[in-house]
Each structure stands twice: as structure tokens, then as C-alpha cells.
Amino acid sequence: PGSAEDKFNRWSERVGPTRILLWLSTLFSIVIAWSVFEI
């Protein structure tokens, strides 16, 4: 308890890989929209 590994485990349980991928998808979609707007 209190170690860096414990903090990472609690963070990954709270955030989860699905939420991280959804955030990446949000950023990627914004980049696509920006490039479509310029092209």
C-alpha cells in the first residue's frame, strides 16, 4: 500500500483502458475534422 505500483493499479482500475482509448478516439476525431476543414 502506498507504493508506486499500488498507485498505478488504483489509477488503472479507476480509469480503465476503454476510457483511455475513447479519449484517444476523441483526439483523433478532432484531428480528422481539422484536416477535413483544411482540405
PDB file of all heavy atoms in Angstrom:
ATOM      1  N   PRO A   1       0.833  -1.216   0.000  1.00  0.00           N
ATOM      2  CA  PRO A   1       0.000   0.000   0.000  1.00  0.00           C
ATOM      3  C   PRO A   1       0.864   1.262   0.000  1.00  0.00           C
ATOM      4  O   PRO A   1       1.826   1.374   0.747  1.00  0.00           O
ATOM      5  CB  PRO A   1      -0.801  -0.111   1.290  1.00  0.00           C
ATOM      6  CG  PRO A   1      -0.776  -1.554   1.639  1.00  0.00           C
ATOM      7  CD  PRO A   1       0.521  -2.083   1.116  1.00  0.00           C
ATOM      8  N   GLY A   2       0.519   2.188  -0.895  1.00  0.00           N
ATOM      9  CA  GLY A   2       1.254   3.446  -0.991  1.00  0.00           C
ATOM     10  C   GLY A   2       2.409   3.418  -1.962  1.00  0.00           C
ATOM     11  O   GLY A   2       2.991   4.451  -2.260  1.00  0.00           O
ATOM     12  N   SER A   3       2.774   2.219  -2.470  1.00  0.00           N
ATOM     13  CA  SER A   3       3.886   2.151  -3.421  1.00  0.00           C
ATOM     14  C   SER A   3       3.439   2.665  -4.787  1.00  0.00           C
ATOM     15  O   SER A   3       2.251   2.856  -5.053  1.00  0.00           O
ATOM     16  CB  SER A   3       4.393   0.709  -3.537  1.00  0.00           C
ATOM     17  OG  SER A   3       3.408  -0.101  -4.144  1.00  0.00           O
ATOM     18  N   ALA A   4       4.411   2.888  -5.647  1.00  0.00           N
ATOM     19  CA  ALA A   4       4.105   3.390  -6.990  1.00  0.00           C
ATOM     20  C   ALA A   4       3.258   2.378  -7.760  1.00  0.00           C
ATOM     21  O   ALA A   4       2.355   2.764  -8.512  1.00  0.00           O
ATOM     22  CB  ALA A   4       5.400   3.679  -7.741  1.00  0.00           C
ATOM     23  N   GLU A   5       3.535   1.110  -7.562  1.00  0.00           N
ATOM     24  CA  GLU A   5       2.764   0.079  -8.239  1.00  0.00           C
ATOM     25  C   GLU A   5       1.315   0.064  -7.762  1.00  0.00           C
ATOM     26  O   GLU A   5       0.382  -0.086  -8.553  1.00  0.00           O
ATOM     27  CB  GLU A   5       3.408  -1.286  -8.003  1.00  0.00           C
ATOM     28  CG  GLU A   5       2.751  -2.401  -8.770  1.00  0.00           C
ATOM     29  CD  GLU A   5       3.431  -3.741  -8.524  1.00  0.00           C
ATOM     30  OE1 GLU A   5       4.354  -3.816  -7.707  1.00  0.00           O
ATOM     31  OE2 GLU A   5       2.999  -4.707  -9.163  1.00  0.00           O
ATOM     32  N   ASP A   6       1.121   0.254  -6.462  1.00  0.00           N
ATOM     33  CA  ASP A   6      -0.231   0.311  -5.914  1.00  0.00           C
ATOM     34  C   ASP A   6      -0.989   1.520  -6.460  1.00  0.00           C
ATOM     35  O   ASP A   6      -2.162   1.423  -6.810  1.00  0.00           O
ATOM     36  CB  ASP A   6      -0.170   0.363  -4.391  1.00  0.00           C
ATOM     37  CG  ASP A   6      -1.543   0.357  -3.763  1.00  0.00           C
ATOM     38  OD1 ASP A   6      -2.365  -0.492  -4.151  1.00  0.00           O
ATOM     39  OD2 ASP A   6      -1.799   1.217  -2.894  1.00  0.00           O
ATOM     40  N   LYS A   7      -0.321   2.656  -6.552  1.00  0.00           N
ATOM     41  CA  LYS A   7      -0.955   3.856  -7.112  1.00  0.00           C
ATOM     42  C   LYS A   7      -1.322   3.643  -8.576  1.00  0.00           C
ATOM     43  O   LYS A   7      -2.385   4.064  -9.031  1.00  0.00           O
ATOM     44  CB  LYS A   7      -0.032   5.056  -6.965  1.00  0.00           C
ATOM     45  CG  LYS A   7       0.129   5.510  -5.537  1.00  0.00           C
ATOM     46  CD  LYS A   7       1.111   6.653  -5.434  1.00  0.00           C
ATOM     47  CE  LYS A   7       1.334   7.023  -3.973  1.00  0.00           C
ATOM     48  NZ  LYS A   7       2.359   8.071  -3.838  1.00  0.00           N
ATOM     49  N   PHE A   8      -0.424   2.994  -9.337  1.00  0.00           N
ATOM     50  CA  PHE A   8      -0.726   2.707 -10.745  1.00  0.00           C
ATOM     51  C   PHE A   8      -1.899   1.748 -10.874  1.00  0.00           C
ATOM     52  O   PHE A   8      -2.763   1.934 -11.729  1.00  0.00           O
ATOM     53  CB  PHE A   8       0.506   2.129 -11.448  1.00  0.00           C
ATOM     54  CG  PHE A   8       0.232   1.738 -12.866  1.00  0.00           C
ATOM     55  CD1 PHE A   8       0.102   2.699 -13.849  1.00  0.00           C
ATOM     56  CD2 PHE A   8       0.079   0.401 -13.218  1.00  0.00           C
ATOM     57  CE1 PHE A   8      -0.165   2.346 -15.165  1.00  0.00           C
ATOM     58  CE2 PHE A   8      -0.192   0.039 -14.514  1.00  0.00           C
ATOM     59  CZ  PHE A   8      -0.305   1.023 -15.497  1.00  0.00           C
ATOM     60  N   ASN A   9      -1.945   0.729 -10.028  1.00  0.00           N
ATOM     61  CA  ASN A   9      -3.053  -0.230 -10.072  1.00  0.00           C
ATOM     62  C   ASN A   9      -4.386   0.449  -9.768  1.00  0.00           C
ATOM     63  O   ASN A   9      -5.390   0.208 -10.445  1.00  0.00           O
ATOM     64  CB  ASN A   9      -2.821  -1.385  -9.094  1.00  0.00           C
ATOM     65  CG  ASN A   9      -1.736  -2.327  -9.554  1.00  0.00           C
ATOM     66  OD1 ASN A   9      -1.401  -2.365 -10.737  1.00  0.00           O
ATOM     67  ND2 ASN A   9      -1.168  -3.071  -8.627  1.00  0.00           N
ATOM     68  N   ARG A  10      -4.401   1.313  -8.761  1.00  0.00           N
ATOM     69  CA  ARG A  10      -5.640   2.023  -8.441  1.00  0.00           C
ATOM     70  C   ARG A  10      -6.038   2.973  -9.564  1.00  0.00           C
ATOM     71  O   ARG A  10      -7.209   3.106  -9.890  1.00  0.00           O
ATOM     72  CB  ARG A  10      -5.491   2.771  -7.110  1.00  0.00           C
ATOM     73  CG  ARG A  10      -5.600   1.832  -5.926  1.00  0.00           C
ATOM     74  CD  ARG A  10      -5.671   2.570  -4.612  1.00  0.00           C
ATOM     75  NE  ARG A  10      -4.292   2.936  -4.238  1.00  0.00           N
ATOM     76  CZ  ARG A  10      -3.933   4.126  -3.782  1.00  0.00           C
ATOM     77  NH1 ARG A  10      -4.814   5.069  -3.626  1.00  0.00           N
ATOM     78  NH2 ARG A  10      -2.684   4.367  -3.465  1.00  0.00           N
ATOM     79  N   TRP A  11      -5.042   3.630 -10.169  1.00  0.00           N
ATOM     80  CA  TRP A  11      -5.334   4.543 -11.280  1.00  0.00           C
ATOM     81  C   TRP A  11      -5.897   3.778 -12.479  1.00  0.00           C
ATOM     82  O   TRP A  11      -6.869   4.198 -13.095  1.00  0.00           O
ATOM     83  CB  TRP A  11      -4.079   5.296 -11.697  1.00  0.00           C
ATOM     84  CG  TRP A  11      -4.286   6.167 -12.875  1.00  0.00           C
ATOM     85  CD1 TRP A  11      -4.820   7.412 -12.892  1.00  0.00           C
ATOM     86  CD2 TRP A  11      -3.984   5.850 -14.241  1.00  0.00           C
ATOM     87  NE1 TRP A  11      -4.863   7.901 -14.171  1.00  0.00           N
ATOM     88  CE2 TRP A  11      -4.359   6.958 -15.023  1.00  0.00           C
ATOM     89  CE3 TRP A  11      -3.430   4.746 -14.871  1.00  0.00           C
ATOM     90  CZ2 TRP A  11      -4.198   6.989 -16.398  1.00  0.00           C
ATOM     91  CZ3 TRP A  11      -3.274   4.780 -16.236  1.00  0.00           C
ATOM     92  CH2 TRP A  11      -3.651   5.892 -16.980  1.00  0.00           C
ATOM     93  N   SER A  12      -5.290   2.634 -12.813  1.00  0.00           N
ATOM     94  CA  SER A  12      -5.757   1.878 -13.975  1.00  0.00           C
ATOM     95  C   SER A  12      -7.137   1.269 -13.741  1.00  0.00           C
ATOM     96  O   SER A  12      -7.911   1.111 -14.680  1.00  0.00           O
ATOM     97  CB  SER A  12      -4.748   0.792 -14.362  1.00  0.00           C
ATOM     98  OG  SER A  12      -4.661  -0.182 -13.357  1.00  0.00           O
ATOM     99  N   GLU A  13      -7.458   0.917 -12.504  1.00  0.00           N
ATOM    100  CA  GLU A  13      -8.810   0.429 -12.212  1.00  0.00           C
ATOM    101  C   GLU A  13      -9.831   1.549 -12.318  1.00  0.00           C
ATOM    102  O   GLU A  13     -10.951   1.353 -12.765  1.00  0.00           O
ATOM    103  CB  GLU A  13      -8.863  -0.179 -10.809  1.00  0.00           C
ATOM    104  CG  GLU A  13      -8.188  -1.516 -10.697  1.00  0.00           C
ATOM    105  CD  GLU A  13      -8.157  -2.022  -9.269  1.00  0.00           C
ATOM    106  OE1 GLU A  13      -8.709  -1.339  -8.383  1.00  0.00           O
ATOM    107  OE2 GLU A  13      -7.588  -3.091  -9.046  1.00  0.00           O
ATOM    108  N   ARG A  14      -9.438   2.748 -11.892  1.00  0.00           N
ATOM    109  CA  ARG A  14     -10.356   3.880 -11.933  1.00  0.00           C
ATOM    110  C   ARG A  14     -10.569   4.364 -13.373  1.00  0.00           C
ATOM    111  O   ARG A  14     -11.682   4.642 -13.783  1.00  0.00           O
ATOM    112  CB  ARG A  14      -9.812   5.017 -11.073  1.00  0.00           C
ATOM    113  CG  ARG A  14     -10.788   6.147 -10.881  1.00  0.00           C
ATOM    114  CD  ARG A  14     -10.197   7.260 -10.034  1.00  0.00           C
ATOM    115  NE  ARG A  14      -9.314   8.066 -10.857  1.00  0.00           N
ATOM    116  CZ  ARG A  14      -8.035   8.285 -10.609  1.00  0.00           C
ATOM    117  NH1 ARG A  14      -7.465   7.752  -9.553  1.00  0.00           N
ATOM    118  NH2 ARG A  14      -7.303   9.033 -11.402  1.00  0.00           N
ATOM    119  N   VAL A  15      -9.513   4.456 -14.142  1.00  0.00           N
ATOM    120  CA  VAL A  15      -9.606   4.989 -15.498  1.00  0.00           C
ATOM    121  C   VAL A  15     -10.017   3.902 -16.475  1.00  0.00           C
ATOM    122  O   VAL A  15     -10.991   4.044 -17.199  1.00  0.00           O
ATOM    123  CB  VAL A  15      -8.269   5.635 -15.919  1.00  0.00           C
ATOM    124  CG1 VAL A  15      -8.316   6.043 -17.361  1.00  0.00           C
ATOM    125  CG2 VAL A  15      -7.975   6.829 -15.043  1.00  0.00           C
ATOM    126  N   GLY A  16      -9.290   2.832 -16.521  1.00  0.00           N
ATOM    127  CA  GLY A  16      -9.613   1.731 -17.415  1.00  0.00           C
ATOM    128  C   GLY A  16      -9.124   1.976 -18.833  1.00  0.00           C
ATOM    129  O   GLY A  16      -9.058   3.115 -19.300  1.00  0.00           O
ATOM    130  N   PRO A  17      -8.775   0.904 -19.523  1.00  0.00           N
ATOM    131  CA  PRO A  17      -8.265   1.052 -20.896  1.00  0.00           C
ATOM    132  C   PRO A  17      -9.318   1.541 -21.883  1.00  0.00           C
ATOM    133  O   PRO A  17      -8.991   2.220 -22.853  1.00  0.00           O
ATOM    134  CB  PRO A  17      -7.781  -0.357 -21.250  1.00  0.00           C
ATOM    135  CG  PRO A  17      -8.487  -1.264 -20.304  1.00  0.00           C
ATOM    136  CD  PRO A  17      -8.746  -0.472 -19.069  1.00  0.00           C
ATOM    137  N   THR A  18     -10.578   1.249 -21.628  1.00  0.00           N
ATOM    138  CA  THR A  18     -11.624   1.695 -22.549  1.00  0.00           C
ATOM    139  C   THR A  18     -11.726   3.208 -22.550  1.00  0.00           C
ATOM    140  O   THR A  18     -11.846   3.826 -23.612  1.00  0.00           O
ATOM    141  CB  THR A  18     -12.978   1.080 -22.162  1.00  0.00           C
ATOM    142  OG1 THR A  18     -12.841  -0.340 -22.086  1.00  0.00           O
ATOM    143  CG2 THR A  18     -14.038   1.435 -23.170  1.00  0.00           C
ATOM    144  N   ARG A  19     -11.648   3.811 -21.386  1.00  0.00           N
ATOM    145  CA  ARG A  19     -11.716   5.278 -21.318  1.00  0.00           C
ATOM    146  C   ARG A  19     -10.507   5.914 -21.975  1.00  0.00           C
ATOM    147  O   ARG A  19     -10.627   6.943 -22.648  1.00  0.00           O
ATOM    148  CB  ARG A  19     -11.837   5.738 -19.869  1.00  0.00           C
ATOM    149  CG  ARG A  19     -13.230   5.495 -19.322  1.00  0.00           C
ATOM    150  CD  ARG A  19     -13.424   6.071 -17.956  1.00  0.00           C
ATOM    151  NE  ARG A  19     -13.188   7.513 -17.959  1.00  0.00           N
ATOM    152  CZ  ARG A  19     -12.730   8.169 -16.899  1.00  0.00           C
ATOM    153  NH1 ARG A  19     -12.459   7.528 -15.792  1.00  0.00           N
ATOM    154  NH2 ARG A  19     -12.551   9.463 -16.952  1.00  0.00           N
ATOM    155  N   ILE A  20      -9.336   5.322 -21.811  1.00  0.00           N
ATOM    156  CA  ILE A  20      -8.135   5.867 -22.454  1.00  0.00           C
ATOM    157  C   ILE A  20      -8.289   5.807 -23.968  1.00  0.00           C
ATOM    158  O   ILE A  20      -7.987   6.777 -24.675  1.00  0.00           O
ATOM    159  CB  ILE A  20      -6.878   5.108 -21.979  1.00  0.00           C
ATOM    160  CG1 ILE A  20      -6.632   5.380 -20.496  1.00  0.00           C
ATOM    161  CG2 ILE A  20      -5.665   5.507 -22.801  1.00  0.00           C
ATOM    162  CD1 ILE A  20      -5.575   4.528 -19.872  1.00  0.00           C
ATOM    163  N   LEU A  21      -8.776   4.681 -24.481  1.00  0.00           N
ATOM    164  CA  LEU A  21      -8.992   4.571 -25.929  1.00  0.00           C
ATOM    165  C   LEU A  21     -10.062   5.536 -26.418  1.00  0.00           C
ATOM    166  O   LEU A  21      -9.960   6.072 -27.521  1.00  0.00           O
ATOM    167  CB  LEU A  21      -9.353   3.132 -26.292  1.00  0.00           C
ATOM    168  CG  LEU A  21      -8.206   2.132 -26.235  1.00  0.00           C
ATOM    169  CD1 LEU A  21      -8.726   0.726 -26.481  1.00  0.00           C
ATOM    170  CD2 LEU A  21      -7.126   2.484 -27.238  1.00  0.00           C
ATOM    171  N   LEU A  22     -11.095   5.767 -25.626  1.00  0.00           N
ATOM    172  CA  LEU A  22     -12.117   6.736 -26.017  1.00  0.00           C
ATOM    173  C   LEU A  22     -11.555   8.155 -26.053  1.00  0.00           C
ATOM    174  O   LEU A  22     -11.901   8.940 -26.934  1.00  0.00           O
ATOM    175  CB  LEU A  22     -13.313   6.651 -25.071  1.00  0.00           C
ATOM    176  CG  LEU A  22     -14.230   5.449 -25.299  1.00  0.00           C
ATOM    177  CD1 LEU A  22     -15.173   5.279 -24.125  1.00  0.00           C
ATOM    178  CD2 LEU A  22     -15.004   5.597 -26.584  1.00  0.00           C
ATOM    179  N   TRP A  23     -10.675   8.484 -25.122  1.00  0.00           N
ATOM    180  CA  TRP A  23     -10.029   9.799 -25.172  1.00  0.00           C
ATOM    181  C   TRP A  23      -9.161   9.925 -26.416  1.00  0.00           C
ATOM    182  O   TRP A  23      -9.158  10.966 -27.074  1.00  0.00           O
ATOM    183  CB  TRP A  23      -9.181  10.033 -23.932  1.00  0.00           C
ATOM    184  CG  TRP A  23      -9.941  10.203 -22.664  1.00  0.00           C
ATOM    185  CD1 TRP A  23     -11.239  10.613 -22.525  1.00  0.00           C
ATOM    186  CD2 TRP A  23      -9.473   9.953 -21.352  1.00  0.00           C
ATOM    187  NE1 TRP A  23     -11.592  10.629 -21.198  1.00  0.00           N
ATOM    188  CE2 TRP A  23     -10.530  10.232 -20.455  1.00  0.00           C
ATOM    189  CE3 TRP A  23      -8.264   9.533 -20.829  1.00  0.00           C
ATOM    190  CZ2 TRP A  23     -10.400  10.101 -19.084  1.00  0.00           C
ATOM    191  CZ3 TRP A  23      -8.141   9.394 -19.463  1.00  0.00           C
ATOM    192  CH2 TRP A  23      -9.197   9.682 -18.606  1.00  0.00           C
ATOM    193  N   LEU A  24      -8.416   8.861 -26.748  1.00  0.00           N
ATOM    194  CA  LEU A  24      -7.600   8.883 -27.962  1.00  0.00           C
ATOM    195  C   LEU A  24      -8.465   9.000 -29.209  1.00  0.00           C
ATOM    196  O   LEU A  24      -8.107   9.696 -30.160  1.00  0.00           O
ATOM    197  CB  LEU A  24      -6.732   7.623 -28.039  1.00  0.00           C
ATOM    198  CG  LEU A  24      -5.558   7.563 -27.086  1.00  0.00           C
ATOM    199  CD1 LEU A  24      -4.865   6.201 -27.198  1.00  0.00           C
ATOM    200  CD2 LEU A  24      -4.577   8.672 -27.370  1.00  0.00           C
ATOM    201  N   SER A  25      -9.598   8.328 -29.209  1.00  0.00           N
ATOM    202  CA  SER A  25     -10.519   8.435 -30.328  1.00  0.00           C
ATOM    203  C   SER A  25     -11.064   9.852 -30.452  1.00  0.00           C
ATOM    204  O   SER A  25     -11.253  10.360 -31.565  1.00  0.00           O
ATOM    205  CB  SER A  25     -11.664   7.435 -30.175  1.00  0.00           C
ATOM    206  OG  SER A  25     -12.530   7.497 -31.271  1.00  0.00           O
ATOM    207  N   THR A  26     -11.317  10.507 -29.328  1.00  0.00           N
ATOM    208  CA  THR A  26     -11.771  11.897 -29.352  1.00  0.00           C
ATOM    209  C   THR A  26     -10.722  12.795 -29.990  1.00  0.00           C
ATOM    210  O   THR A  26     -11.026  13.589 -30.890  1.00  0.00           O
ATOM    211  CB  THR A  26     -12.075  12.382 -27.921  1.00  0.00           C
ATOM    212  OG1 THR A  26     -13.077  11.556 -27.360  1.00  0.00           O
ATOM    213  CG2 THR A  26     -12.524  13.820 -27.925  1.00  0.00           C
ATOM    214  N   LEU A  27      -9.486  12.659 -29.542  1.00  0.00           N
ATOM    215  CA  LEU A  27      -8.415  13.480 -30.114  1.00  0.00           C
ATOM    216  C   LEU A  27      -8.211  13.189 -31.598  1.00  0.00           C
ATOM    217  O   LEU A  27      -8.026  14.105 -32.400  1.00  0.00           O
ATOM    218  CB  LEU A  27      -7.115  13.244 -29.343  1.00  0.00           C
ATOM    219  CG  LEU A  27      -7.085  13.756 -27.917  1.00  0.00           C
ATOM    220  CD1 LEU A  27      -5.800  13.337 -27.227  1.00  0.00           C
ATOM    221  CD2 LEU A  27      -7.234  15.265 -27.898  1.00  0.00           C
ATOM    222  N   PHE A  28      -8.249  11.919 -31.961  1.00  0.00           N
ATOM    223  CA  PHE A  28      -8.059  11.540 -33.358  1.00  0.00           C
ATOM    224  C   PHE A  28      -9.194  12.077 -34.224  1.00  0.00           C
ATOM    225  O   PHE A  28      -8.960  12.540 -35.347  1.00  0.00           O
ATOM    226  CB  PHE A  28      -7.957  10.016 -33.468  1.00  0.00           C
ATOM    227  CG  PHE A  28      -7.485   9.546 -34.800  1.00  0.00           C
ATOM    228  CD1 PHE A  28      -6.180   9.762 -35.199  1.00  0.00           C
ATOM    229  CD2 PHE A  28      -8.336   8.880 -35.656  1.00  0.00           C
ATOM    230  CE1 PHE A  28      -5.734   9.329 -36.423  1.00  0.00           C
ATOM    231  CE2 PHE A  28      -7.901   8.449 -36.885  1.00  0.00           C
ATOM    232  CZ  PHE A  28      -6.593   8.670 -37.274  1.00  0.00           C
ATOM    233  N   SER A  29     -10.419  12.055 -33.729  1.00  0.00           N
ATOM    234  CA  SER A  29     -11.553  12.581 -34.487  1.00  0.00           C
ATOM    235  C   SER A  29     -11.438  14.092 -34.678  1.00  0.00           C
ATOM    236  O   SER A  29     -11.797  14.628 -35.734  1.00  0.00           O
ATOM    237  CB  SER A  29     -12.864  12.247 -33.792  1.00  0.00           C
ATOM    238  OG  SER A  29     -13.049  10.861 -33.735  1.00  0.00           O
ATOM    239  N   ILE A  30     -10.930  14.787 -33.671  1.00  0.00           N
ATOM    240  CA  ILE A  30     -10.733  16.234 -33.802  1.00  0.00           C
ATOM    241  C   ILE A  30      -9.665  16.528 -34.849  1.00  0.00           C
ATOM    242  O   ILE A  30      -9.810  17.445 -35.655  1.00  0.00           O
ATOM    243  CB  ILE A  30     -10.384  16.850 -32.432  1.00  0.00           C
ATOM    244  CG1 ILE A  30     -11.611  16.794 -31.527  1.00  0.00           C
ATOM    245  CG2 ILE A  30      -9.882  18.271 -32.577  1.00  0.00           C
ATOM    246  CD1 ILE A  30     -11.347  17.166 -30.096  1.00  0.00           C
ATOM    247  N   VAL A  31      -8.608  15.737 -34.874  1.00  0.00           N
ATOM    248  CA  VAL A  31      -7.564  15.919 -35.890  1.00  0.00           C
ATOM    249  C   VAL A  31      -8.126  15.647 -37.284  1.00  0.00           C
ATOM    250  O   VAL A  31      -7.818  16.378 -38.240  1.00  0.00           O
ATOM    251  CB  VAL A  31      -6.353  15.010 -35.583  1.00  0.00           C
ATOM    252  CG1 VAL A  31      -5.391  14.952 -36.744  1.00  0.00           C
ATOM    253  CG2 VAL A  31      -5.659  15.476 -34.328  1.00  0.00           C
ATOM    254  N   ILE A  32      -8.953  14.632 -37.416  1.00  0.00           N
ATOM    255  CA  ILE A  32      -9.580  14.343 -38.709  1.00  0.00           C
ATOM    256  C   ILE A  32     -10.471  15.507 -39.133  1.00  0.00           C
ATOM    257  O   ILE A  32     -10.439  15.933 -40.300  1.00  0.00           O
ATOM    258  CB  ILE A  32     -10.385  13.028 -38.648  1.00  0.00           C
ATOM    259  CG1 ILE A  32      -9.454  11.832 -38.526  1.00  0.00           C
ATOM    260  CG2 ILE A  32     -11.261  12.875 -39.882  1.00  0.00           C
ATOM    261  CD1 ILE A  32     -10.182  10.523 -38.264  1.00  0.00           C
ATOM    262  N   ALA A  33     -11.255  16.036 -38.213  1.00  0.00           N
ATOM    263  CA  ALA A  33     -12.130  17.162 -38.543  1.00  0.00           C
ATOM    264  C   ALA A  33     -11.321  18.377 -38.966  1.00  0.00           C
ATOM    265  O   ALA A  33     -11.684  19.077 -39.921  1.00  0.00           O
ATOM    266  CB  ALA A  33     -13.014  17.503 -37.344  1.00  0.00           C
ATOM    267  N   TRP A  34     -10.223  18.622 -38.290  1.00  0.00           N
ATOM    268  CA  TRP A  34      -9.376  19.755 -38.630  1.00  0.00           C
ATOM    269  C   TRP A  34      -8.798  19.588 -40.037  1.00  0.00           C
ATOM    270  O   TRP A  34      -8.781  20.525 -40.832  1.00  0.00           O
ATOM    271  CB  TRP A  34      -8.258  19.867 -37.617  1.00  0.00           C
ATOM    272  CG  TRP A  34      -7.435  21.119 -37.710  1.00  0.00           C
ATOM    273  CD1 TRP A  34      -7.085  21.816 -38.826  1.00  0.00           C
ATOM    274  CD2 TRP A  34      -6.849  21.817 -36.622  1.00  0.00           C
ATOM    275  NE1 TRP A  34      -6.323  22.882 -38.504  1.00  0.00           N
ATOM    276  CE2 TRP A  34      -6.160  22.911 -37.148  1.00  0.00           C
ATOM    277  CE3 TRP A  34      -6.825  21.608 -35.266  1.00  0.00           C
ATOM    278  CZ2 TRP A  34      -5.458  23.797 -36.348  1.00  0.00           C
ATOM    279  CZ3 TRP A  34      -6.127  22.501 -34.480  1.00  0.00           C
ATOM    280  CH2 TRP A  34      -5.464  23.578 -35.015  1.00  0.00           C
ATOM    281  N   SER A  35      -8.321  18.382 -40.344  1.00  0.00           N
ATOM    282  CA  SER A  35      -7.746  18.156 -41.677  1.00  0.00           C
ATOM    283  C   SER A  35      -8.815  18.222 -42.760  1.00  0.00           C
ATOM    284  O   SER A  35      -8.557  18.727 -43.855  1.00  0.00           O
ATOM    285  CB  SER A  35      -7.005  16.827 -41.725  1.00  0.00           C
ATOM    286  OG  SER A  35      -7.895  15.758 -41.529  1.00  0.00           O
ATOM    287  N   VAL A  36     -10.024  17.738 -42.475  1.00  0.00           N
ATOM    288  CA  VAL A  36     -11.119  17.847 -43.450  1.00  0.00           C
ATOM    289  C   VAL A  36     -11.455  19.310 -43.694  1.00  0.00           C
ATOM    290  O   VAL A  36     -11.662  19.730 -44.835  1.00  0.00           O
ATOM    291  CB  VAL A  36     -12.373  17.076 -42.958  1.00  0.00           C
ATOM    292  CG1 VAL A  36     -13.606  17.455 -43.749  1.00  0.00           C
ATOM    293  CG2 VAL A  36     -12.141  15.588 -43.044  1.00  0.00           C
ATOM    294  N   PHE A  37     -11.464  20.104 -42.634  1.00  0.00           N
ATOM    295  CA  PHE A  37     -11.782  21.525 -42.754  1.00  0.00           C
ATOM    296  C   PHE A  37     -10.746  22.247 -43.610  1.00  0.00           C
ATOM    297  O   PHE A  37     -11.076  23.155 -44.371  1.00  0.00           O
ATOM    298  CB  PHE A  37     -11.866  22.159 -41.370  1.00  0.00           C
ATOM    299  CG  PHE A  37     -12.395  23.554 -41.375  1.00  0.00           C
ATOM    300  CD1 PHE A  37     -13.753  23.787 -41.503  1.00  0.00           C
ATOM    301  CD2 PHE A  37     -11.539  24.643 -41.262  1.00  0.00           C
ATOM    302  CE1 PHE A  37     -14.252  25.070 -41.506  1.00  0.00           C
ATOM    303  CE2 PHE A  37     -12.025  25.920 -41.264  1.00  0.00           C
ATOM    304  CZ  PHE A  37     -13.383  26.147 -41.385  1.00  0.00           C
ATOM    305  N   GLU A  38      -9.471  21.838 -43.509  1.00  0.00           N
ATOM    306  CA  GLU A  38      -8.420  22.482 -44.288  1.00  0.00           C
ATOM    307  C   GLU A  38      -8.359  21.995 -45.728  1.00  0.00           C
ATOM    308  O   GLU A  38      -7.952  22.743 -46.609  1.00  0.00           O
ATOM    309  CB  GLU A  38      -7.066  22.262 -43.618  1.00  0.00           C
ATOM    310  CG  GLU A  38      -6.909  23.003 -42.327  1.00  0.00           C
ATOM    311  CD  GLU A  38      -5.562  22.763 -41.678  1.00  0.00           C
ATOM    312  OE1 GLU A  38      -4.807  21.903 -42.179  1.00  0.00           O
ATOM    313  OE2 GLU A  38      -5.272  23.432 -40.684  1.00  0.00           O
ATOM    314  N   ILE A  39      -8.767  20.760 -45.986  1.00  0.00           N
ATOM    315  CA  ILE A  39      -8.586  20.171 -47.310  1.00  0.00           C
ATOM    316  C   ILE A  39      -9.720  20.521 -48.262  1.00  0.00           C
ATOM    317  O   ILE A  39      -9.470  20.872 -49.419  1.00  0.00           O
ATOM    318  CB  ILE A  39      -8.431  18.638 -47.190  1.00  0.00           C
ATOM    319  CG1 ILE A  39      -7.111  18.308 -46.518  1.00  0.00           C
ATOM    320  CG2 ILE A  39      -8.529  17.970 -48.535  1.00  0.00           C
ATOM    321  CD1 ILE A  39      -6.931  16.850 -46.200  1.00  0.00           C
TER     322      ILE A  39
END
